[in-house]
C-alpha atoms as a PDB file:
ATOM      1  CA  MET A   1      98.463  97.055 102.706  1.00  0.00           C
ATOM      2  CA  PRO A   2     101.804  97.850 101.078  1.00  0.00           C
ATOM      3  CA  LEU A   3     102.874  95.444  98.373  1.00  0.00           C
ATOM      4  CA  VAL A   4     105.926  94.311 100.386  1.00  0.00           C
ATOM      5  CA  ILE A   5     103.680  92.552 102.948  1.00  0.00           C
ATOM      6  CA  ALA A   6     101.058  91.248 100.499  1.00  0.00           C
ATOM      7  CA  PRO A   7     100.379  87.496 100.395  1.00  0.00           C
ATOM      8  CA  VAL A   8     101.938  85.387  97.646  1.00  0.00           C
ATOM      9  CA  ASN A   9      99.818  83.728  94.914  1.00  0.00           C
ATOM     10  CA  VAL A  10      96.692  85.762  95.705  1.00  0.00           C
ATOM     11  CA  GLU A  11      95.057  88.085  93.184  1.00  0.00           C
ATOM     12  CA  LEU A  12      95.299  91.647  94.475  1.00  0.00           C
ATOM     13  CA  THR A  13      93.970  95.004  93.300  1.00  0.00           C
ATOM     14  CA  ILE A  14      96.079  98.153  93.358  1.00  0.00           C
ATOM     15  CA  ILE A  15      94.156 100.832  95.262  1.00  0.00           C
ATOM     16  CA  ARG A  16      96.751 103.579  95.577  1.00  0.00           C
ATOM     17  CA  LEU A  17     100.163 104.720  94.346  1.00  0.00           C
ATOM     18  CA  LEU A  18     102.088 106.756  96.925  1.00  0.00           C
ATOM     19  CA  CYS A  19     104.259 108.825  94.610  1.00  0.00           C
ATOM     20  CA  ASP A  20     104.347 111.995  92.542  1.00  0.00           C
ATOM     21  CA  GLU A  21     102.804 112.377  89.079  1.00  0.00           C
ATOM     22  CA  LYS A  22     106.090 111.693  87.272  1.00  0.00           C
ATOM     23  CA  ASP A  23     106.487 108.331  89.011  1.00  0.00           C
ATOM     24  CA  LYS A  24     102.782 107.493  88.489  1.00  0.00           C
ATOM     25  CA  LYS A  25     103.221 107.943  84.745  1.00  0.00           C
ATOM     26  CA  HIS A  26     106.266 105.654  84.840  1.00  0.00           C
ATOM     27  CA  PHE A  27     104.330 103.028  86.827  1.00  0.00           C
ATOM     28  CA  GLU A  28     101.444 103.235  84.352  1.00  0.00           C
ATOM     29  CA  SER A  29     103.841 102.625  81.462  1.00  0.00           C
ATOM     30  CA  LEU A  30     104.826  99.384  83.245  1.00  0.00           C
ATOM     31  CA  GLY A  31     101.173  98.379  83.709  1.00  0.00           C
ATOM     32  CA  ILE A  32     100.995  99.394  87.377  1.00  0.00           C
ATOM     33  CA  ALA A  33      97.869 101.521  87.757  1.00  0.00           C
ATOM     34  CA  VAL A  34      94.985 101.972  90.194  1.00  0.00           C
ATOM     35  CA  ASN A  35      92.362  99.171  89.901  1.00  0.00           C
ATOM     36  CA  GLN A  36      94.862  96.914  88.071  1.00  0.00           C
ATOM     37  CA  LYS A  37      94.794  93.241  89.093  1.00  0.00           C
ATOM     38  CA  ILE A  38      98.193  91.790  90.056  1.00  0.00           C
ATOM     39  CA  THR A  39      99.541  88.643  91.693  1.00  0.00           C
ATOM     40  CA  VAL A  40     102.688  88.480  93.837  1.00  0.00           C
ATOM     41  CA  LEU A  41     104.743  85.515  92.648  1.00  0.00           C
ATOM     42  CA  SER A  42     107.666  85.941  95.034  1.00  0.00           C
ATOM     43  CA  ASN A  43     108.576  88.158  97.966  1.00  0.00           C
ATOM     44  CA  THR A  44     112.129  87.888  99.260  1.00  0.00           C
ATOM     45  CA  GLY A  45     113.526  90.477 101.634  1.00  0.00           C
ATOM     46  CA  GLY A  46     111.020  93.056 100.412  1.00  0.00           C
ATOM     47  CA  ASN A  47     111.919  92.570  96.749  1.00  0.00           C
ATOM     48  CA  VAL A  48     108.813  91.513  94.850  1.00  0.00           C
ATOM     49  CA  ILE A  49     108.149  89.672  91.592  1.00  0.00           C
ATOM     50  CA  LEU A  50     104.683  90.407  90.189  1.00  0.00           C
ATOM     51  CA  MET A  51     102.457  88.970  87.513  1.00  0.00           C
ATOM     52  CA  ILE A  52     100.786  91.886  85.735  1.00  0.00           C
ATOM     53  CA  LYS A  53      98.474  91.005  82.871  1.00  0.00           C
ATOM     54  CA  GLU A  54     100.552  88.309  81.162  1.00  0.00           C
ATOM     55  CA  GLY A  55     104.019  89.556  82.071  1.00  0.00           C
ATOM     56  CA  ARG A  56     106.314  89.438  85.076  1.00  0.00           C
ATOM     57  CA  LEU A  57     107.891  92.439  86.739  1.00  0.00           C
ATOM     58  CA  ALA A  58     110.518  92.626  89.495  1.00  0.00           C
ATOM     59  CA  LEU A  59     110.389  95.557  91.937  1.00  0.00           C
ATOM     60  CA  ASP A  60     112.822  96.476  94.687  1.00  0.00           C
ATOM     61  CA  ARG A  61     111.704  97.193  98.246  1.00  0.00           C
ATOM     62  CA  ASN A  62     111.700 101.007  97.826  1.00  0.00           C
ATOM     63  CA  ILE A  63     109.286 100.916  94.904  1.00  0.00           C
ATOM     64  CA  ALA A  64     107.118  98.106  96.303  1.00  0.00           C
ATOM     65  CA  THR A  65     106.397 100.126  99.479  1.00  0.00           C
ATOM     66  CA  LYS A  66     104.828 102.874  97.326  1.00  0.00           C
ATOM     67  CA  ILE A  67     102.156 100.527  95.961  1.00  0.00           C
ATOM     68  CA  VAL A  68      99.109  99.906  98.166  1.00  0.00           C
ATOM     69  CA  VAL A  69      96.945  96.864  97.416  1.00  0.00           C
ATOM     70  CA  THR A  70      93.855  95.086  98.704  1.00  0.00           C
ATOM     71  CA  ILE A  71      92.599  91.508  98.365  1.00  0.00           C
END
């Protein structure tokens, strides 16, 4: 499921990044990579706040739709 419709406060695993190699490298520099465990802390209007490792990251709707996760 795309990250924008993922449940809140549930540990999720990133299974796919729907973007080109340049964007994948940028995501990886932020800690967003395939098989990475994340938790959605807030989801308002498609904008998402994530907990990745021990940090928080805010993503807008356009970027969050490119990240596919599973429970």
